[in-house]
Amino acid sequence: MIAVIRLHPGERAGYSRGMKTPDKPQAETDPEQCELNRELKDANTTLALGAGVGALGTGTALLTGAVCPFCYVAVPALLGMGLYKRRQIKKRNKPA
């Protein structure tokens, strides 16, 4: 069954009538803050990749009874690298 949602003129999807749309975040102007945000995003991506490969490896292990060597090596490496990157970013960003 497919549901059809009709919007009133001027209404955006995901917002009920009368709600304000959220303000868009302003672009960071500080280059150092932009660099920290980019590095933090990279660290989070690495952690997510590690978790994804771990879930894939767990699923295949449950289905087949064996773990591929790539999953066995990549998951701890990706998770460790992501955590290490996040720790270094937090250390660098800590006020003195």
C-alpha atoms as a PDB file:
ATOM      1  CA  MET A   1       0.000   0.000   0.000  1.00  0.00           C
ATOM      2  CA  ILE A   2       1.352   3.406  -0.944  1.00  0.00           C
ATOM      3  CA  ALA A   3       0.440   6.465   1.112  1.00  0.00           C
ATOM      4  CA  VAL A   4       0.034   9.796  -0.610  1.00  0.00           C
ATOM      5  CA  ILE A   5       0.837  12.898   1.374  1.00  0.00           C
ATOM      6  CA  ARG A   6      -0.572  16.170   0.143  1.00  0.00           C
ATOM      7  CA  LEU A   7       1.167  19.357   1.117  1.00  0.00           C
ATOM      8  CA  HIS A   8      -0.507  22.713   1.359  1.00  0.00           C
ATOM      9  CA  PRO A   9       1.061  25.574  -0.622  1.00  0.00           C
ATOM     10  CA  GLY A  10       4.189  26.801   1.140  1.00  0.00           C
ATOM     11  CA  GLU A  11       4.453  23.704   3.346  1.00  0.00           C
ATOM     12  CA  ARG A  12       7.547  21.517   3.346  1.00  0.00           C
ATOM     13  CA  ALA A  13       7.606  17.767   3.841  1.00  0.00           C
ATOM     14  CA  GLY A  14       8.297  16.702   7.404  1.00  0.00           C
ATOM     15  CA  TYR A  15       6.785  19.784   9.047  1.00  0.00           C
ATOM     16  CA  SER A  16       3.214  20.167  10.214  1.00  0.00           C
ATOM     17  CA  ARG A  17       1.290  23.304   9.513  1.00  0.00           C
ATOM     18  CA  GLY A  18       2.282  26.162  11.781  1.00  0.00           C
ATOM     19  CA  MET A  19       5.785  24.830  12.538  1.00  0.00           C
ATOM     20  CA  LYS A  20       8.713  26.919  11.540  1.00  0.00           C
ATOM     21  CA  THR A  21      11.355  25.315   9.401  1.00  0.00           C
ATOM     22  CA  PRO A  22      14.640  24.950  11.288  1.00  0.00           C
ATOM     23  CA  ASP A  23      17.217  27.624  10.705  1.00  0.00           C
ATOM     24  CA  LYS A  24      19.997  26.576   8.397  1.00  0.00           C
ATOM     25  CA  PRO A  25      23.379  26.513  10.130  1.00  0.00           C
ATOM     26  CA  GLN A  26      25.658  29.254   8.973  1.00  0.00           C
ATOM     27  CA  ALA A  27      28.871  28.270   7.266  1.00  0.00           C
ATOM     28  CA  GLU A  28      31.919  28.200   9.471  1.00  0.00           C
ATOM     29  CA  THR A  29      34.218  31.084   8.683  1.00  0.00           C
ATOM     30  CA  ASP A  30      37.100  29.992  10.887  1.00  0.00           C
ATOM     31  CA  PRO A  31      39.440  27.812   8.794  1.00  0.00           C
ATOM     32  CA  GLU A  32      40.782  26.024  11.888  1.00  0.00           C
ATOM     33  CA  GLN A  33      37.255  25.078  12.997  1.00  0.00           C
ATOM     34  CA  CYS A  34      36.444  23.903   9.464  1.00  0.00           C
ATOM     35  CA  GLU A  35      39.535  21.679   9.513  1.00  0.00           C
ATOM     36  CA  LEU A  36      38.572  20.218  12.911  1.00  0.00           C
ATOM     37  CA  ASN A  37      35.043  19.519  11.683  1.00  0.00           C
ATOM     38  CA  ARG A  38      36.400  17.818   8.561  1.00  0.00           C
ATOM     39  CA  GLU A  39      38.772  15.650  10.613  1.00  0.00           C
ATOM     40  CA  LEU A  40      35.998  14.747  13.054  1.00  0.00           C
ATOM     41  CA  LYS A  41      33.745  13.765  10.162  1.00  0.00           C
ATOM     42  CA  ASP A  42      36.554  11.596   8.765  1.00  0.00           C
ATOM     43  CA  ALA A  43      37.007   9.901  12.162  1.00  0.00           C
ATOM     44  CA  ASN A  44      33.260   9.256  12.427  1.00  0.00           C
ATOM     45  CA  THR A  45      33.223   7.819   8.900  1.00  0.00           C
ATOM     46  CA  THR A  46      36.060   5.462   9.814  1.00  0.00           C
ATOM     47  CA  LEU A  47      34.154   4.302  12.897  1.00  0.00           C
ATOM     48  CA  ALA A  48      30.992   3.782  10.849  1.00  0.00           C
ATOM     49  CA  LEU A  49      32.905   1.763   8.251  1.00  0.00           C
ATOM     50  CA  GLY A  50      34.362  -0.410  10.995  1.00  0.00           C
ATOM     51  CA  ALA A  51      30.927  -0.988  12.494  1.00  0.00           C
ATOM     52  CA  GLY A  52      29.468  -1.758   9.063  1.00  0.00           C
ATOM     53  CA  VAL A  53      32.159  -4.252   8.152  1.00  0.00           C
ATOM     54  CA  GLY A  54      31.788  -5.774  11.621  1.00  0.00           C
ATOM     55  CA  ALA A  55      28.044  -6.204  11.135  1.00  0.00           C
ATOM     56  CA  LEU A  56      28.631  -7.712   7.700  1.00  0.00           C
ATOM     57  CA  GLY A  57      31.251 -10.094   9.087  1.00  0.00           C
ATOM     58  CA  THR A  58      28.993 -11.089  11.968  1.00  0.00           C
ATOM     59  CA  GLY A  59      26.115 -11.740   9.600  1.00  0.00           C
ATOM     60  CA  THR A  60      28.177 -13.894   7.291  1.00  0.00           C
ATOM     61  CA  ALA A  61      29.670 -15.733  10.255  1.00  0.00           C
ATOM     62  CA  LEU A  62      26.201 -16.553  11.538  1.00  0.00           C
ATOM     63  CA  LEU A  63      25.022 -17.675   8.104  1.00  0.00           C
ATOM     64  CA  THR A  64      28.078 -19.596   6.930  1.00  0.00           C
ATOM     65  CA  GLY A  65      29.920 -20.408  10.136  1.00  0.00           C
ATOM     66  CA  ALA A  66      33.146 -18.782   8.928  1.00  0.00           C
ATOM     67  CA  VAL A  67      34.634 -15.296   9.072  1.00  0.00           C
ATOM     68  CA  CYS A  68      36.491 -13.869   6.126  1.00  0.00           C
ATOM     69  CA  PRO A  69      40.094 -12.879   6.872  1.00  0.00           C
ATOM     70  CA  PHE A  70      39.487  -9.328   5.642  1.00  0.00           C
ATOM     71  CA  CYS A  71      36.700  -8.786   8.178  1.00  0.00           C
ATOM     72  CA  TYR A  72      38.836 -10.315  10.912  1.00  0.00           C
ATOM     73  CA  VAL A  73      41.630  -7.781  10.277  1.00  0.00           C
ATOM     74  CA  ALA A  74      39.715  -4.737   8.988  1.00  0.00           C
ATOM     75  CA  VAL A  75      37.164  -4.325  11.782  1.00  0.00           C
ATOM     76  CA  PRO A  76      39.616  -3.803  14.668  1.00  0.00           C
ATOM     77  CA  ALA A  77      41.848  -1.673  12.438  1.00  0.00           C
ATOM     78  CA  LEU A  78      39.027   0.635  11.324  1.00  0.00           C
ATOM     79  CA  LEU A  79      37.533   0.948  14.804  1.00  0.00           C
ATOM     80  CA  GLY A  80      40.926   1.556  16.378  1.00  0.00           C
ATOM     81  CA  MET A  81      41.910   4.148  13.788  1.00  0.00           C
ATOM     82  CA  GLY A  82      38.589   5.995  14.173  1.00  0.00           C
ATOM     83  CA  LEU A  83      38.882   6.081  17.956  1.00  0.00           C
ATOM     84  CA  TYR A  84      42.518   7.192  17.733  1.00  0.00           C
ATOM     85  CA  LYS A  85      41.613  10.031  15.353  1.00  0.00           C
ATOM     86  CA  ARG A  86      38.757  11.199  17.589  1.00  0.00           C
ATOM     87  CA  ARG A  87      41.022  11.139  20.641  1.00  0.00           C
ATOM     88  CA  GLN A  88      43.685  13.195  18.895  1.00  0.00           C
ATOM     89  CA  ILE A  89      41.094  15.743  17.754  1.00  0.00           C
ATOM     90  CA  LYS A  90      39.672  16.069  21.280  1.00  0.00           C
ATOM     91  CA  LYS A  91      43.176  16.445  22.723  1.00  0.00           C
ATOM     92  CA  ARG A  92      44.070  19.174  20.240  1.00  0.00           C
ATOM     93  CA  ASN A  93      40.780  20.993  20.762  1.00  0.00           C
ATOM     94  CA  LYS A  94      40.946  20.884  24.591  1.00  0.00           C
ATOM     95  CA  PRO A  95      41.317  24.369  26.120  1.00  0.00           C
ATOM     96  CA  ALA A  96      44.566  24.965  27.995  1.00  0.00           C
END
